[in-house]
Amino acid sequence: MLQCRAIFAAWENQHYQYCNETLDKQTYEGYERAIAKIMLAFAGFRIYWQMNRDVFSPTFTAHIDKLIADTPLQRGDALMNEWNEKIAALKQQQSTS
């Protein structure tokens, strides 16, 4: 849970900087896409958010709530399976080169 807290706190800071135009739009949007794909698509992070959303700013809370609504829920092993498939493909490619 502490890791989730640290990630959301860092994300809130990034969001604050972006909203105050001290963080480049492309940089922030890339960061947000990655974090949404890695975190918000999975139940554990959503449960953390449900349990702790009240400790974050209203602006950030509304933003994360919208991202969660727009991000399809994935199976817990989906990202790891994709990772393993890509590693196997890369190894196969290297062994035939």
Protein backbone atom coordinates (compact mmCIF):
# COMPACT_ATOMS: atom_id res chain seq x y z
CA MET A 1 0.00 0.00 0.00
CA LEU A 2 2.87 2.37 0.67
CA GLN A 3 4.13 1.91 -2.88
CA CYS A 4 0.71 2.81 -4.22
CA ARG A 5 0.65 5.87 -1.99
CA ALA A 6 4.08 6.97 -3.25
CA ILE A 7 3.09 6.51 -6.89
CA PHE A 8 -0.17 8.41 -6.53
CA ALA A 9 1.57 11.19 -4.55
CA ALA A 10 4.19 11.56 -7.28
CA TRP A 11 1.47 11.53 -9.93
CA GLU A 12 -0.46 14.21 -8.06
CA ASN A 13 2.68 16.34 -7.97
CA GLN A 14 3.18 15.86 -11.72
CA HIS A 15 -0.46 16.74 -12.32
CA TYR A 16 -0.11 19.88 -10.19
CA GLN A 17 2.97 20.95 -12.14
CA TYR A 18 1.22 20.28 -15.45
CA CYS A 19 -1.87 22.27 -14.43
CA ASN A 20 0.37 25.17 -13.42
CA GLU A 21 2.25 24.98 -16.73
CA THR A 22 5.59 24.10 -15.16
CA LEU A 23 5.63 20.69 -16.81
CA ASP A 24 5.57 20.23 -20.57
CA LYS A 25 2.27 18.91 -21.98
CA GLN A 26 3.88 16.12 -24.06
CA THR A 27 5.99 15.00 -21.13
CA TYR A 28 3.02 14.86 -18.80
CA GLU A 29 0.69 13.15 -21.25
CA GLY A 30 3.27 10.45 -22.00
CA TYR A 31 3.80 9.87 -18.29
CA GLU A 32 0.07 9.70 -17.72
CA ARG A 33 -0.54 7.20 -20.55
CA ALA A 34 2.15 4.92 -19.17
CA ILE A 35 0.90 5.12 -15.60
CA ALA A 36 -2.71 4.56 -16.65
CA LYS A 37 -1.70 1.49 -18.67
CA ILE A 38 0.45 0.11 -15.86
CA MET A 39 -1.69 1.07 -12.86
CA LEU A 40 -5.26 2.11 -13.50
CA ALA A 41 -6.04 -0.90 -15.67
CA PHE A 42 -5.57 -3.22 -12.68
CA ALA A 43 -7.92 -3.92 -9.80
CA GLY A 44 -5.38 -3.58 -6.98
CA PHE A 45 -4.55 0.03 -7.83
CA ARG A 46 -8.25 0.83 -8.23
CA ILE A 47 -8.98 -0.62 -4.81
CA TYR A 48 -6.19 1.47 -3.29
CA TRP A 49 -7.67 4.54 -5.00
CA GLN A 50 -11.18 3.77 -3.68
CA MET A 51 -9.82 3.39 -0.16
CA ASN A 52 -7.61 6.50 -0.20
CA ARG A 53 -8.91 8.98 -2.78
CA ASP A 54 -10.04 11.34 -0.01
CA VAL A 55 -6.42 12.24 0.87
CA PHE A 56 -5.77 13.79 -2.55
CA SER A 57 -6.79 17.18 -3.90
CA PRO A 58 -10.27 17.50 -5.40
CA THR A 59 -8.84 18.42 -8.82
CA PHE A 60 -6.56 15.37 -8.90
CA THR A 61 -9.33 13.13 -7.56
CA ALA A 62 -11.72 14.18 -10.32
CA HIS A 63 -8.98 13.63 -12.91
CA ILE A 64 -8.12 10.12 -11.68
CA ASP A 65 -11.80 9.19 -11.39
CA LYS A 66 -12.28 10.12 -15.06
CA LEU A 67 -9.16 8.19 -16.12
CA ILE A 68 -10.38 5.11 -14.26
CA ALA A 69 -13.78 5.40 -15.95
CA ASP A 70 -12.04 5.64 -19.35
CA THR A 71 -9.50 2.84 -18.76
CA PRO A 72 -10.64 -0.75 -19.35
CA LEU A 73 -9.97 -3.14 -16.48
CA GLN A 74 -7.35 -5.79 -17.32
CA ARG A 75 -6.68 -9.21 -15.87
CA GLY A 76 -3.96 -9.13 -13.25
CA ASP A 77 -1.56 -11.20 -15.32
CA ALA A 78 -2.15 -9.42 -18.65
CA LEU A 79 0.83 -7.08 -18.45
CA MET A 80 3.18 -9.84 -17.28
CA ASN A 81 2.00 -12.15 -20.07
CA GLU A 82 2.62 -9.44 -22.66
CA TRP A 83 6.08 -8.82 -21.16
CA ASN A 84 6.99 -12.52 -21.29
CA GLU A 85 5.72 -12.89 -24.87
CA LYS A 86 7.82 -9.94 -26.03
CA ILE A 87 10.93 -11.31 -24.29
CA ALA A 88 10.42 -14.72 -25.90
CA ALA A 89 9.96 -13.10 -29.33
CA LEU A 90 13.11 -11.02 -28.90
CA LYS A 91 15.12 -14.08 -27.86
CA GLN A 92 13.76 -16.02 -30.83
CA GLN A 93 14.67 -13.17 -33.17
CA GLN A 94 18.20 -12.97 -31.77
CA SER A 95 18.76 -16.73 -32.02
CA THR A 96 17.85 -16.74 -35.71
CA SER A 97 20.06 -13.77 -36.56
